[in-house]
């Protein structure tokens, strides 16, 4: 995995983030907005993991797992609220 340059990870992360931002700004459906937010969180996680490849203590990996858990909790609460509205 060390033979993949860091710039490739950053390009994919930027594409994911811009796609999530575009979905979040253009769609009016709340579920699509939540999907856009989740894409943006995954782009941030990809950045954390890409930069933690050069760290010996893997602090970026631990932080990305924490961000992933927070994103899942946020998605669960938001979907519960959406179901209550409908």
Protein backbone atom coordinates (compact mmCIF):
# COMPACT_ATOMS: atom_id res chain seq x y z
CA UNK A 1 0.00 0.00 0.00
CA UNK A 2 2.99 2.30 0.32
CA UNK A 3 3.48 2.46 -3.43
CA UNK A 4 0.30 4.53 -3.98
CA UNK A 5 1.16 8.25 -3.88
CA UNK A 6 -0.51 10.50 -1.34
CA UNK A 7 -1.80 12.79 -4.09
CA UNK A 8 -4.12 10.05 -5.40
CA UNK A 9 -5.79 9.77 -2.02
CA UNK A 10 -6.16 13.54 -1.81
CA UNK A 11 -7.69 13.76 -5.29
CA UNK A 12 -10.25 11.04 -4.51
CA UNK A 13 -11.02 12.71 -1.19
CA UNK A 14 -11.54 16.08 -2.87
CA UNK A 15 -13.87 14.49 -5.43
CA UNK A 16 -15.88 12.76 -2.68
CA UNK A 17 -16.12 15.97 -0.69
CA UNK A 18 -17.23 18.05 -3.68
CA UNK A 19 -19.78 15.39 -4.66
CA UNK A 20 -21.18 15.37 -1.12
CA UNK A 21 -21.29 19.17 -1.03
CA UNK A 22 -23.06 19.27 -4.40
CA UNK A 23 -25.65 16.74 -3.25
CA UNK A 24 -26.17 18.62 -0.02
CA UNK A 25 -26.68 21.97 -1.77
CA UNK A 26 -28.76 20.83 -4.76
CA UNK A 27 -31.16 18.24 -3.31
CA UNK A 28 -34.17 19.20 -1.24
CA UNK A 29 -34.92 15.72 0.05
CA UNK A 30 -33.62 15.31 3.60
CA UNK A 31 -32.35 11.78 3.00
CA UNK A 32 -30.19 12.97 0.09
CA UNK A 33 -28.85 15.80 2.27
CA UNK A 34 -27.87 13.24 4.89
CA UNK A 35 -26.19 11.14 2.21
CA UNK A 36 -24.21 14.20 1.11
CA UNK A 37 -23.08 14.86 4.68
CA UNK A 38 -22.03 11.23 5.01
CA UNK A 39 -19.97 11.49 1.80
CA UNK A 40 -18.23 14.56 3.17
CA UNK A 41 -17.45 12.75 6.43
CA UNK A 42 -16.03 9.82 4.46
CA UNK A 43 -13.83 12.21 2.48
CA UNK A 44 -12.45 13.59 5.74
CA UNK A 45 -11.84 10.03 6.96
CA UNK A 46 -9.96 9.21 3.78
CA UNK A 47 -7.72 12.23 4.38
CA UNK A 48 -7.07 11.16 7.95
CA UNK A 49 -6.17 7.62 6.90
CA UNK A 50 -3.98 8.81 4.02
CA UNK A 51 -1.98 11.10 6.27
CA UNK A 52 -1.74 8.53 9.06
CA UNK A 53 0.13 6.14 6.74
CA UNK A 54 3.24 8.22 7.47
CA UNK A 55 2.63 8.24 11.24
CA UNK A 56 4.07 5.43 13.33
CA UNK A 57 1.43 5.67 16.07
CA UNK A 58 -1.54 5.57 13.65
CA UNK A 59 -3.37 8.42 15.37
CA UNK A 60 -5.23 9.26 12.16
CA UNK A 61 -6.71 5.76 11.99
CA UNK A 62 -7.98 5.99 15.56
CA UNK A 63 -9.47 9.42 14.92
CA UNK A 64 -11.12 8.24 11.69
CA UNK A 65 -12.82 5.37 13.54
CA UNK A 66 -14.09 7.93 16.06
CA UNK A 67 -15.42 10.15 13.24
CA UNK A 68 -17.07 7.12 11.64
CA UNK A 69 -18.89 6.24 14.87
CA UNK A 70 -20.06 9.84 15.30
CA UNK A 71 -21.32 9.86 11.69
CA UNK A 72 -23.29 6.66 12.22
CA UNK A 73 -24.87 8.06 15.39
CA UNK A 74 -25.75 11.30 13.59
CA UNK A 75 -27.31 9.37 10.71
CA UNK A 76 -29.37 7.21 13.08
CA UNK A 77 -30.76 10.18 14.98
CA UNK A 78 -31.51 12.12 11.80
CA UNK A 79 -33.32 9.17 10.21
CA UNK A 80 -35.37 8.70 13.38
CA UNK A 81 -36.39 12.37 13.27
CA UNK A 82 -37.28 12.11 9.57
CA UNK A 83 -39.44 9.04 10.24
CA UNK A 84 -41.23 10.86 13.04
CA UNK A 85 -41.99 13.81 10.74
CA UNK A 86 -43.49 11.55 8.08
